[in-house]
Amino acid sequence: MLIQDLPEYITPLQLKDFLRIGQRQTYQLIKTNDFQAMKLGEYNLFSKEKFTNWLEGGISG
């Protein structure tokens, strides 16, 4: 999966699949201050733009 294949707002499952990590690791990552979730009912959604910025920062930093 490529970054451009992700939708504008990403679910935790999509993060898990994209990063190829486990469910526990995904939720541990989400709980950090690095991710700002938008809560929609009981669902967490993440901005693709913010995720991309985080990812690029993680790679270069």
Protein backbone atom coordinates (compact mmCIF):
# COMPACT_ATOMS: atom_id res chain seq x y z
CA MET A 1 0.00 0.00 0.00
CA LEU A 2 1.27 3.45 -0.92
CA ILE A 3 0.64 6.67 1.00
CA GLN A 4 -1.38 8.04 -1.91
CA ASP A 5 -3.69 5.01 -1.64
CA LEU A 6 -4.81 6.08 1.83
CA PRO A 7 -8.06 8.05 2.17
CA GLU A 8 -8.11 11.65 3.44
CA TYR A 9 -9.01 10.38 6.93
CA ILE A 10 -7.42 7.16 8.17
CA THR A 11 -8.81 4.60 10.61
CA PRO A 12 -6.66 2.73 13.14
CA LEU A 13 -7.04 -0.43 11.02
CA GLN A 14 -5.69 1.40 7.98
CA LEU A 15 -2.77 2.72 10.06
CA LYS A 16 -2.07 -0.83 11.23
CA ASP A 17 -2.10 -2.21 7.71
CA PHE A 18 -0.04 0.64 6.25
CA LEU A 19 2.64 0.48 8.95
CA ARG A 20 2.53 -3.34 9.05
CA ILE A 21 2.36 -3.45 12.83
CA GLY A 22 0.12 -5.30 15.25
CA GLN A 23 -3.12 -4.05 16.74
CA ARG A 24 -1.56 -3.52 20.18
CA GLN A 25 1.30 -1.50 18.68
CA THR A 26 -1.19 0.56 16.68
CA TYR A 27 -3.18 1.55 19.74
CA GLN A 28 -0.02 2.26 21.74
CA LEU A 29 1.10 4.57 18.94
CA ILE A 30 -2.29 6.27 18.82
CA LYS A 31 -2.11 6.99 22.56
CA THR A 32 1.08 9.00 22.13
CA ASN A 33 0.89 12.76 21.65
CA ASP A 34 2.26 12.32 18.12
CA PHE A 35 -1.19 11.53 16.78
CA GLN A 36 -4.15 13.88 16.97
CA ALA A 37 -7.33 11.93 16.44
CA MET A 38 -10.62 13.34 15.31
CA LYS A 39 -13.33 11.54 17.26
CA LEU A 40 -16.43 10.67 15.22
CA GLY A 41 -18.83 8.91 17.54
CA GLU A 42 -16.82 6.03 18.93
CA TYR A 43 -14.32 6.06 16.05
CA ASN A 44 -10.90 7.68 15.85
CA LEU A 45 -9.92 9.15 12.51
CA PHE A 46 -6.56 10.61 11.60
CA SER A 47 -5.76 13.22 9.01
CA LYS A 48 -3.70 11.80 6.14
CA GLU A 49 -1.84 15.11 5.96
CA LYS A 50 -0.85 14.99 9.65
CA PHE A 51 0.05 11.31 9.36
CA THR A 52 2.25 12.04 6.34
CA ASN A 53 3.97 14.87 8.24
CA TRP A 54 4.55 12.54 11.21
CA LEU A 55 5.86 9.81 8.94
CA GLU A 56 8.27 12.13 7.14
CA GLY A 57 9.45 13.54 10.47
CA GLY A 58 9.96 10.03 11.80
CA ILE A 59 12.03 9.04 8.81
CA SER A 60 14.23 12.14 8.65
CA GLY A 61 14.44 12.81 12.38
